[in-house]
N, C-alpha and C. Protein backbone atom coordinates (compact mmCIF):
# COMPACT_ATOMS: atom_id res chain seq x y z
N MET A 1 -8.34 -1.31 -23.46
CA MET A 1 -7.39 -2.21 -22.81
C MET A 1 -7.87 -2.54 -21.41
N ALA A 2 -7.69 -3.77 -21.02
CA ALA A 2 -8.14 -4.24 -19.71
C ALA A 2 -7.25 -3.68 -18.60
N TYR A 3 -7.85 -3.51 -17.45
CA TYR A 3 -7.09 -3.09 -16.28
C TYR A 3 -6.31 -4.29 -15.77
N ARG A 4 -5.02 -4.16 -15.71
CA ARG A 4 -4.16 -5.28 -15.31
C ARG A 4 -3.94 -5.26 -13.80
N ASN A 5 -4.66 -6.12 -13.10
CA ASN A 5 -4.49 -6.20 -11.65
C ASN A 5 -4.40 -7.64 -11.17
N LYS A 6 -4.27 -8.56 -12.08
CA LYS A 6 -4.26 -9.98 -11.72
C LYS A 6 -2.83 -10.52 -11.68
N THR A 7 -2.69 -11.59 -10.95
CA THR A 7 -1.44 -12.32 -10.89
C THR A 7 -1.64 -13.65 -11.59
N TYR A 8 -0.83 -13.89 -12.59
CA TYR A 8 -0.91 -15.13 -13.35
C TYR A 8 0.10 -16.09 -12.74
N ILE A 9 -0.34 -17.27 -12.38
CA ILE A 9 0.55 -18.26 -11.76
C ILE A 9 0.64 -19.47 -12.70
N CYS A 10 1.85 -19.81 -13.08
CA CYS A 10 2.01 -21.02 -13.89
C CYS A 10 2.82 -22.03 -13.10
N PHE A 11 2.50 -23.30 -13.34
CA PHE A 11 3.11 -24.37 -12.54
C PHE A 11 2.82 -25.71 -13.20
N ASP A 12 3.49 -26.73 -12.74
CA ASP A 12 3.25 -28.09 -13.18
C ASP A 12 2.00 -28.60 -12.46
N GLY A 13 0.89 -28.62 -13.18
CA GLY A 13 -0.39 -29.02 -12.59
C GLY A 13 -0.42 -30.47 -12.15
N ASP A 14 0.47 -31.29 -12.68
CA ASP A 14 0.48 -32.70 -12.30
C ASP A 14 1.18 -32.95 -10.97
N THR A 15 2.22 -32.16 -10.67
CA THR A 15 2.99 -32.46 -9.46
C THR A 15 3.02 -31.32 -8.44
N ASP A 16 2.71 -30.10 -8.85
CA ASP A 16 2.88 -28.97 -7.94
C ASP A 16 1.58 -28.25 -7.59
N MET A 17 0.45 -28.88 -7.84
CA MET A 17 -0.85 -28.29 -7.55
C MET A 17 -0.99 -27.93 -6.07
N ASN A 18 -0.40 -28.73 -5.20
CA ASN A 18 -0.53 -28.47 -3.76
C ASN A 18 0.07 -27.12 -3.37
N TYR A 19 1.12 -26.69 -4.03
CA TYR A 19 1.72 -25.39 -3.73
C TYR A 19 0.79 -24.26 -4.19
N TYR A 20 0.20 -24.42 -5.34
CA TYR A 20 -0.77 -23.45 -5.85
C TYR A 20 -1.96 -23.36 -4.90
N ARG A 21 -2.46 -24.50 -4.46
CA ARG A 21 -3.60 -24.52 -3.53
C ARG A 21 -3.23 -23.86 -2.19
N LEU A 22 -1.99 -24.06 -1.75
CA LEU A 22 -1.56 -23.43 -0.51
C LEU A 22 -1.54 -21.90 -0.66
N MET A 23 -1.10 -21.40 -1.80
CA MET A 23 -1.14 -19.96 -2.04
C MET A 23 -2.58 -19.44 -2.00
N GLN A 24 -3.50 -20.20 -2.55
CA GLN A 24 -4.91 -19.81 -2.49
C GLN A 24 -5.39 -19.80 -1.04
N ALA A 25 -4.96 -20.77 -0.26
CA ALA A 25 -5.35 -20.84 1.16
C ALA A 25 -4.80 -19.64 1.93
N TRP A 26 -3.55 -19.25 1.66
CA TRP A 26 -2.99 -18.06 2.30
C TRP A 26 -3.86 -16.85 1.99
N LYS A 27 -4.25 -16.73 0.74
CA LYS A 27 -5.07 -15.60 0.30
C LYS A 27 -6.42 -15.59 1.03
N ASP A 28 -7.01 -16.75 1.17
CA ASP A 28 -8.34 -16.86 1.77
C ASP A 28 -8.34 -16.78 3.30
N ASN A 29 -7.19 -16.92 3.93
CA ASN A 29 -7.08 -16.93 5.38
C ASN A 29 -6.91 -15.49 5.90
N GLU A 30 -7.85 -15.03 6.67
CA GLU A 30 -7.81 -13.65 7.18
C GLU A 30 -6.63 -13.40 8.11
N HIS A 31 -5.98 -14.44 8.61
CA HIS A 31 -4.85 -14.29 9.52
C HIS A 31 -3.52 -14.18 8.78
N HIS A 32 -3.55 -14.30 7.46
CA HIS A 32 -2.35 -14.15 6.64
C HIS A 32 -2.43 -12.84 5.89
N ASP A 33 -1.31 -12.13 5.84
CA ASP A 33 -1.23 -10.90 5.06
C ASP A 33 -0.71 -11.26 3.67
N PHE A 34 -1.56 -11.87 2.90
CA PHE A 34 -1.18 -12.33 1.56
C PHE A 34 -2.38 -12.15 0.65
N ASN A 35 -2.19 -11.41 -0.41
CA ASN A 35 -3.32 -11.17 -1.28
C ASN A 35 -2.86 -11.08 -2.73
N PHE A 36 -3.65 -11.63 -3.60
CA PHE A 36 -3.43 -11.46 -5.03
C PHE A 36 -4.76 -11.68 -5.73
N HIS A 37 -4.88 -11.06 -6.88
CA HIS A 37 -6.05 -11.26 -7.73
C HIS A 37 -5.66 -12.33 -8.74
N ASN A 38 -6.19 -13.49 -8.57
CA ASN A 38 -5.78 -14.66 -9.33
C ASN A 38 -6.34 -14.63 -10.75
N ALA A 39 -5.46 -14.60 -11.74
CA ALA A 39 -5.90 -14.62 -13.14
C ALA A 39 -6.63 -15.92 -13.48
N HIS A 40 -6.35 -16.98 -12.74
CA HIS A 40 -7.01 -18.27 -13.02
C HIS A 40 -8.49 -18.26 -12.63
N ASP A 41 -8.91 -17.25 -11.89
CA ASP A 41 -10.33 -17.14 -11.53
C ASP A 41 -11.16 -16.54 -12.65
N LEU A 42 -10.52 -16.03 -13.68
CA LEU A 42 -11.24 -15.29 -14.72
C LEU A 42 -12.11 -16.16 -15.61
N ASN A 43 -11.60 -17.28 -16.03
CA ASN A 43 -12.35 -18.12 -16.97
C ASN A 43 -11.76 -19.53 -16.98
N THR A 44 -12.47 -20.42 -17.58
CA THR A 44 -11.96 -21.77 -17.78
C THR A 44 -12.23 -22.17 -19.22
N ALA A 45 -11.37 -22.96 -19.76
CA ALA A 45 -11.52 -23.39 -21.15
C ALA A 45 -12.79 -24.22 -21.28
N ARG A 46 -13.59 -23.89 -22.26
CA ARG A 46 -14.83 -24.64 -22.46
C ARG A 46 -14.56 -26.02 -23.03
N ASP A 47 -13.54 -26.11 -23.85
CA ASP A 47 -13.17 -27.40 -24.43
C ASP A 47 -11.73 -27.68 -24.04
N SER A 48 -11.55 -28.28 -22.87
CA SER A 48 -10.21 -28.47 -22.34
C SER A 48 -9.40 -29.52 -23.08
N SER A 49 -10.00 -30.17 -24.07
CA SER A 49 -9.25 -31.17 -24.82
C SER A 49 -8.52 -30.54 -26.01
N GLN A 50 -8.85 -29.32 -26.35
CA GLN A 50 -8.25 -28.67 -27.51
C GLN A 50 -7.20 -27.65 -27.06
N GLU A 51 -5.97 -27.85 -27.50
CA GLU A 51 -4.87 -26.97 -27.10
C GLU A 51 -5.17 -25.50 -27.44
N GLU A 52 -5.67 -25.23 -28.63
CA GLU A 52 -5.93 -23.84 -29.01
C GLU A 52 -7.04 -23.22 -28.16
N SER A 53 -8.03 -24.00 -27.79
CA SER A 53 -9.09 -23.51 -26.91
C SER A 53 -8.52 -23.12 -25.56
N ILE A 54 -7.65 -23.94 -25.04
CA ILE A 54 -7.01 -23.66 -23.75
C ILE A 54 -6.15 -22.39 -23.86
N LYS A 55 -5.34 -22.30 -24.91
CA LYS A 55 -4.47 -21.14 -25.07
C LYS A 55 -5.26 -19.86 -25.27
N ARG A 56 -6.39 -19.93 -25.93
CA ARG A 56 -7.24 -18.75 -26.11
C ARG A 56 -7.69 -18.23 -24.74
N GLN A 57 -8.11 -19.14 -23.87
CA GLN A 57 -8.54 -18.75 -22.53
C GLN A 57 -7.36 -18.21 -21.71
N LEU A 58 -6.21 -18.82 -21.87
CA LEU A 58 -5.03 -18.35 -21.14
C LEU A 58 -4.62 -16.95 -21.62
N ARG A 59 -4.74 -16.68 -22.90
CA ARG A 59 -4.43 -15.34 -23.42
C ARG A 59 -5.36 -14.29 -22.79
N GLU A 60 -6.63 -14.65 -22.58
CA GLU A 60 -7.56 -13.74 -21.91
C GLU A 60 -7.10 -13.45 -20.49
N ARG A 61 -6.60 -14.47 -19.82
CA ARG A 61 -6.09 -14.27 -18.46
C ARG A 61 -4.88 -13.34 -18.48
N PHE A 62 -4.00 -13.53 -19.46
CA PHE A 62 -2.81 -12.68 -19.55
C PHE A 62 -3.20 -11.22 -19.80
N ALA A 63 -4.27 -10.99 -20.53
CA ALA A 63 -4.70 -9.63 -20.84
C ALA A 63 -5.03 -8.85 -19.57
N ASN A 64 -5.31 -9.53 -18.48
CA ASN A 64 -5.65 -8.89 -17.21
C ASN A 64 -4.55 -9.03 -16.17
N SER A 65 -3.40 -9.52 -16.57
CA SER A 65 -2.33 -9.82 -15.60
C SER A 65 -1.26 -8.74 -15.58
N LYS A 66 -0.76 -8.49 -14.38
CA LYS A 66 0.32 -7.52 -14.19
C LYS A 66 1.63 -8.19 -13.77
N LEU A 67 1.56 -9.49 -13.49
CA LEU A 67 2.70 -10.19 -12.92
C LEU A 67 2.56 -11.68 -13.19
N LEU A 68 3.69 -12.34 -13.45
CA LEU A 68 3.70 -13.80 -13.61
C LEU A 68 4.51 -14.40 -12.47
N ILE A 69 3.90 -15.35 -11.79
CA ILE A 69 4.62 -16.16 -10.81
C ILE A 69 4.78 -17.54 -11.41
N VAL A 70 6.02 -18.03 -11.42
CA VAL A 70 6.31 -19.37 -11.90
C VAL A 70 6.70 -20.21 -10.70
N LEU A 71 5.87 -21.20 -10.38
CA LEU A 71 6.22 -22.14 -9.32
C LEU A 71 7.18 -23.15 -9.94
N ILE A 72 8.42 -23.16 -9.46
CA ILE A 72 9.47 -23.97 -10.07
C ILE A 72 9.71 -25.22 -9.24
N GLY A 73 9.20 -26.32 -9.73
CA GLY A 73 9.39 -27.60 -9.09
C GLY A 73 10.42 -28.43 -9.83
N GLU A 74 10.49 -29.68 -9.46
CA GLU A 74 11.50 -30.58 -10.03
C GLU A 74 11.34 -30.77 -11.54
N LYS A 75 10.12 -30.76 -12.05
CA LYS A 75 9.89 -31.06 -13.47
C LYS A 75 9.49 -29.84 -14.30
N THR A 76 9.36 -28.68 -13.68
CA THR A 76 8.87 -27.50 -14.40
C THR A 76 9.69 -27.21 -15.65
N ARG A 77 11.00 -27.32 -15.57
CA ARG A 77 11.87 -27.00 -16.71
C ARG A 77 11.65 -27.93 -17.90
N LEU A 78 11.03 -29.07 -17.66
CA LEU A 78 10.81 -30.05 -18.72
C LEU A 78 9.48 -29.86 -19.45
N LEU A 79 8.62 -29.00 -18.94
CA LEU A 79 7.29 -28.83 -19.50
C LEU A 79 7.34 -27.87 -20.69
N THR A 80 6.94 -28.36 -21.86
CA THR A 80 7.06 -27.55 -23.07
C THR A 80 5.73 -27.18 -23.71
N LYS A 81 4.65 -27.80 -23.29
CA LYS A 81 3.38 -27.54 -23.96
C LYS A 81 2.72 -26.26 -23.48
N PHE A 82 2.40 -26.15 -22.19
CA PHE A 82 1.71 -24.97 -21.70
C PHE A 82 2.60 -24.08 -20.83
N VAL A 83 3.34 -24.65 -19.89
CA VAL A 83 4.13 -23.84 -18.97
C VAL A 83 5.17 -23.02 -19.73
N LYS A 84 5.89 -23.63 -20.64
CA LYS A 84 6.87 -22.90 -21.44
C LYS A 84 6.16 -21.81 -22.25
N TRP A 85 5.04 -22.14 -22.85
CA TRP A 85 4.27 -21.19 -23.64
C TRP A 85 3.82 -20.01 -22.77
N GLU A 86 3.37 -20.30 -21.53
CA GLU A 86 2.93 -19.24 -20.62
C GLU A 86 4.09 -18.29 -20.30
N MET A 87 5.27 -18.83 -20.05
CA MET A 87 6.43 -17.99 -19.77
C MET A 87 6.79 -17.14 -20.99
N GLU A 88 6.73 -17.73 -22.17
CA GLU A 88 7.04 -16.99 -23.40
C GLU A 88 6.05 -15.86 -23.64
N VAL A 89 4.77 -16.10 -23.37
CA VAL A 89 3.76 -15.04 -23.51
C VAL A 89 4.06 -13.91 -22.52
N ALA A 90 4.35 -14.25 -21.28
CA ALA A 90 4.67 -13.23 -20.28
C ALA A 90 5.88 -12.40 -20.70
N LEU A 91 6.88 -13.05 -21.27
CA LEU A 91 8.06 -12.33 -21.73
C LEU A 91 7.70 -11.39 -22.88
N ARG A 92 6.89 -11.85 -23.82
CA ARG A 92 6.46 -10.98 -24.93
C ARG A 92 5.68 -9.77 -24.42
N LEU A 93 4.90 -9.97 -23.36
CA LEU A 93 4.12 -8.88 -22.77
C LEU A 93 4.94 -8.03 -21.79
N ASP A 94 6.18 -8.43 -21.57
CA ASP A 94 7.08 -7.76 -20.63
C ASP A 94 6.50 -7.70 -19.22
N LEU A 95 5.85 -8.80 -18.81
CA LEU A 95 5.35 -8.88 -17.44
C LEU A 95 6.50 -9.17 -16.48
N PRO A 96 6.50 -8.56 -15.32
CA PRO A 96 7.49 -8.93 -14.31
C PRO A 96 7.30 -10.40 -13.93
N ILE A 97 8.41 -11.10 -13.75
CA ILE A 97 8.36 -12.54 -13.44
C ILE A 97 9.02 -12.81 -12.10
N VAL A 98 8.28 -13.54 -11.25
CA VAL A 98 8.81 -14.00 -9.97
C VAL A 98 8.93 -15.51 -10.06
N GLY A 99 10.15 -16.02 -10.02
CA GLY A 99 10.39 -17.45 -10.00
C GLY A 99 10.38 -17.92 -8.55
N VAL A 100 9.47 -18.80 -8.22
CA VAL A 100 9.33 -19.29 -6.84
C VAL A 100 9.86 -20.72 -6.78
N ASN A 101 10.99 -20.87 -6.12
CA ASN A 101 11.64 -22.18 -6.03
C ASN A 101 11.00 -23.04 -4.96
N LEU A 102 10.43 -24.14 -5.37
CA LEU A 102 9.76 -25.04 -4.43
C LEU A 102 10.76 -25.83 -3.59
N ASN A 103 12.03 -25.81 -3.99
CA ASN A 103 13.06 -26.51 -3.22
C ASN A 103 13.70 -25.62 -2.16
N GLY A 104 13.20 -24.39 -2.00
CA GLY A 104 13.69 -23.49 -0.97
C GLY A 104 14.86 -22.61 -1.38
N SER A 105 15.35 -22.75 -2.59
CA SER A 105 16.47 -21.95 -3.04
C SER A 105 16.07 -20.48 -3.16
N ARG A 106 17.02 -19.60 -2.84
CA ARG A 106 16.79 -18.16 -2.94
C ARG A 106 17.29 -17.59 -4.26
N GLN A 107 17.73 -18.46 -5.16
CA GLN A 107 18.28 -17.99 -6.42
C GLN A 107 17.90 -18.92 -7.56
N SER A 108 18.20 -18.51 -8.76
CA SER A 108 17.98 -19.37 -9.92
C SER A 108 18.95 -20.55 -9.80
N ASP A 109 18.43 -21.74 -10.04
CA ASP A 109 19.29 -22.91 -9.94
C ASP A 109 19.03 -23.85 -11.11
N GLY A 110 19.48 -25.06 -11.03
CA GLY A 110 19.35 -26.03 -12.12
C GLY A 110 17.93 -26.40 -12.47
N ARG A 111 16.99 -26.07 -11.60
CA ARG A 111 15.58 -26.36 -11.89
C ARG A 111 14.92 -25.25 -12.71
N CYS A 112 15.59 -24.14 -12.88
CA CYS A 112 15.00 -23.00 -13.57
C CYS A 112 14.66 -23.37 -15.01
N PRO A 113 13.44 -23.09 -15.44
CA PRO A 113 13.07 -23.36 -16.83
C PRO A 113 13.92 -22.54 -17.80
N PRO A 114 14.38 -23.15 -18.89
CA PRO A 114 15.21 -22.44 -19.86
C PRO A 114 14.57 -21.15 -20.39
N ALA A 115 13.25 -21.11 -20.48
CA ALA A 115 12.57 -19.94 -21.04
C ALA A 115 12.82 -18.68 -20.23
N ILE A 116 13.10 -18.80 -18.93
CA ILE A 116 13.32 -17.61 -18.11
C ILE A 116 14.72 -17.56 -17.50
N LYS A 117 15.55 -18.53 -17.81
CA LYS A 117 16.87 -18.64 -17.18
C LYS A 117 17.70 -17.36 -17.32
N ASP A 118 17.73 -16.77 -18.50
CA ASP A 118 18.56 -15.59 -18.73
C ASP A 118 17.74 -14.31 -18.82
N GLU A 119 16.47 -14.40 -18.47
CA GLU A 119 15.57 -13.25 -18.57
C GLU A 119 15.51 -12.48 -17.26
N LEU A 120 15.01 -11.26 -17.34
CA LEU A 120 14.85 -10.42 -16.16
C LEU A 120 13.76 -11.02 -15.27
N ALA A 121 14.16 -11.56 -14.14
CA ALA A 121 13.24 -12.20 -13.19
C ALA A 121 13.90 -12.20 -11.82
N VAL A 122 13.06 -12.23 -10.79
CA VAL A 122 13.59 -12.36 -9.43
C VAL A 122 13.22 -13.76 -8.93
N PHE A 123 14.11 -14.35 -8.16
CA PHE A 123 13.91 -15.72 -7.67
C PHE A 123 13.87 -15.72 -6.15
N VAL A 124 12.88 -16.42 -5.62
CA VAL A 124 12.66 -16.50 -4.18
C VAL A 124 12.26 -17.93 -3.81
N PRO A 125 12.40 -18.30 -2.54
CA PRO A 125 11.91 -19.61 -2.09
C PRO A 125 10.40 -19.57 -1.89
N PHE A 126 9.79 -20.74 -1.81
CA PHE A 126 8.35 -20.82 -1.56
C PHE A 126 8.08 -20.52 -0.09
N SER A 127 7.65 -19.29 0.16
CA SER A 127 7.31 -18.83 1.50
C SER A 127 6.38 -17.64 1.35
N GLN A 128 5.33 -17.63 2.13
CA GLN A 128 4.31 -16.59 2.00
C GLN A 128 4.89 -15.18 2.10
N LYS A 129 5.77 -14.93 3.04
CA LYS A 129 6.28 -13.58 3.26
C LYS A 129 7.12 -13.08 2.10
N ILE A 130 8.03 -13.90 1.59
CA ILE A 130 8.90 -13.41 0.52
C ILE A 130 8.15 -13.36 -0.82
N ILE A 131 7.21 -14.25 -1.03
CA ILE A 131 6.40 -14.17 -2.25
C ILE A 131 5.58 -12.88 -2.22
N SER A 132 4.97 -12.59 -1.09
CA SER A 132 4.19 -11.36 -0.95
C SER A 132 5.07 -10.14 -1.17
N TYR A 133 6.26 -10.16 -0.59
CA TYR A 133 7.20 -9.05 -0.77
C TYR A 133 7.53 -8.87 -2.26
N ALA A 134 7.82 -9.97 -2.93
CA ALA A 134 8.16 -9.90 -4.35
C ALA A 134 6.97 -9.39 -5.18
N MET A 135 5.77 -9.85 -4.86
CA MET A 135 4.59 -9.39 -5.59
C MET A 135 4.40 -7.88 -5.42
N ASP A 136 4.71 -7.36 -4.25
CA ASP A 136 4.55 -5.93 -3.98
C ASP A 136 5.68 -5.09 -4.56
N ASN A 137 6.88 -5.63 -4.62
CA ASN A 137 8.05 -4.83 -4.95
C ASN A 137 8.69 -5.10 -6.31
N TRP A 138 8.60 -6.32 -6.79
CA TRP A 138 9.30 -6.64 -8.03
C TRP A 138 8.77 -5.87 -9.26
N PRO A 139 7.47 -5.66 -9.40
CA PRO A 139 7.02 -4.92 -10.60
C PRO A 139 7.70 -3.56 -10.77
N VAL A 140 7.88 -2.81 -9.69
CA VAL A 140 8.55 -1.50 -9.77
C VAL A 140 10.03 -1.69 -10.11
N SER A 141 10.68 -2.65 -9.45
CA SER A 141 12.09 -2.92 -9.73
C SER A 141 12.27 -3.39 -11.16
N HIS A 142 11.39 -4.26 -11.61
CA HIS A 142 11.44 -4.77 -12.99
C HIS A 142 11.40 -3.63 -13.99
N LYS A 143 10.48 -2.71 -13.78
CA LYS A 143 10.34 -1.56 -14.68
C LYS A 143 11.62 -0.71 -14.69
N SER A 144 12.18 -0.49 -13.51
CA SER A 144 13.41 0.29 -13.39
C SER A 144 14.59 -0.42 -14.06
N TYR A 145 14.75 -1.71 -13.78
CA TYR A 145 15.84 -2.47 -14.39
C TYR A 145 15.69 -2.54 -15.90
N ARG A 146 14.46 -2.72 -16.36
CA ARG A 146 14.20 -2.79 -17.81
C ARG A 146 14.61 -1.47 -18.47
N ALA A 147 14.27 -0.34 -17.83
CA ALA A 147 14.61 0.98 -18.37
C ALA A 147 16.13 1.17 -18.44
N GLN A 148 16.85 0.48 -17.55
CA GLN A 148 18.32 0.56 -17.55
C GLN A 148 18.95 -0.46 -18.49
N GLY A 149 18.12 -1.27 -19.14
CA GLY A 149 18.63 -2.27 -20.07
C GLY A 149 19.20 -3.50 -19.40
N LYS A 150 18.86 -3.73 -18.15
CA LYS A 150 19.38 -4.88 -17.42
C LYS A 150 18.55 -6.12 -17.71
N SER A 151 19.17 -7.27 -17.52
CA SER A 151 18.46 -8.54 -17.66
C SER A 151 19.11 -9.55 -16.73
N GLY A 152 18.58 -10.76 -16.74
CA GLY A 152 19.14 -11.82 -15.93
C GLY A 152 18.44 -12.01 -14.61
N ALA A 153 18.92 -12.98 -13.87
CA ALA A 153 18.32 -13.37 -12.61
C ALA A 153 18.70 -12.40 -11.49
N TYR A 154 17.70 -12.03 -10.70
CA TYR A 154 17.91 -11.19 -9.54
C TYR A 154 17.49 -11.96 -8.29
N VAL A 155 18.10 -11.58 -7.17
CA VAL A 155 17.74 -12.17 -5.89
C VAL A 155 17.68 -11.04 -4.87
N TYR A 156 16.93 -11.25 -3.82
CA TYR A 156 16.89 -10.28 -2.73
C TYR A 156 18.05 -10.57 -1.79
N ASN A 157 18.64 -9.50 -1.26
CA ASN A 157 19.79 -9.69 -0.37
C ASN A 157 19.32 -10.15 1.02
N ASP A 158 20.28 -10.55 1.82
CA ASP A 158 19.98 -11.10 3.14
C ASP A 158 19.21 -10.13 4.03
N SER A 159 19.45 -8.83 3.86
CA SER A 159 18.76 -7.87 4.73
C SER A 159 17.24 -7.90 4.50
N ILE A 160 16.81 -8.15 3.29
CA ILE A 160 15.37 -8.26 3.01
C ILE A 160 14.81 -9.48 3.74
N TYR A 161 15.52 -10.60 3.65
CA TYR A 161 15.06 -11.82 4.32
C TYR A 161 15.04 -11.63 5.83
N GLN A 162 16.07 -10.96 6.38
CA GLN A 162 16.10 -10.69 7.83
C GLN A 162 14.90 -9.83 8.23
N LYS A 163 14.62 -8.80 7.45
CA LYS A 163 13.49 -7.90 7.73
C LYS A 163 12.16 -8.68 7.76
N LEU A 164 12.08 -9.73 6.95
CA LEU A 164 10.87 -10.54 6.87
C LEU A 164 10.85 -11.67 7.89
N GLY A 165 11.91 -11.78 8.70
CA GLY A 165 11.93 -12.79 9.76
C GLY A 165 12.58 -14.10 9.41
N PHE A 166 13.32 -14.14 8.30
CA PHE A 166 14.02 -15.37 7.92
C PHE A 166 15.35 -15.45 8.67
N ALA A 167 15.76 -16.65 8.96
CA ALA A 167 17.09 -16.87 9.54
C ALA A 167 18.12 -16.78 8.42
N ILE A 168 19.24 -16.21 8.74
CA ILE A 168 20.31 -16.05 7.74
C ILE A 168 21.45 -16.99 8.01
């Protein structure tokens, strides 16, 4: 079995690529305390025109992933070909899921994709500090909540945001 140390990020590649690129920039900038091992760096589909070829490569990425981040934009909930499939695979693998709201919401809202709406996941706004916090802390919480049989959307309380320097 592969060592799972990667973060799998799924998003609407047509409209939300800039947010994904910004996360990569945070990671690459030595002045930011933000780090993740990107599952997307592992491989690329050799035949990107074939759905099964793409999914085969994505499954390889999942085999090395410990966490799924879903960048939730305006159209993410409408995507059924790959983004929905990626969320369903993560759920089958019981990966912790961090829903990152690109609209700044701190909770699950109307933009939440149906595939994760009622599933065990934490929701945060798009911000380097809270995403980093969730990446560091949600996997342990997820495991604990799962052991207790809990499900549904979770949010961090105001004290976490205050500790990270957010205005309340």
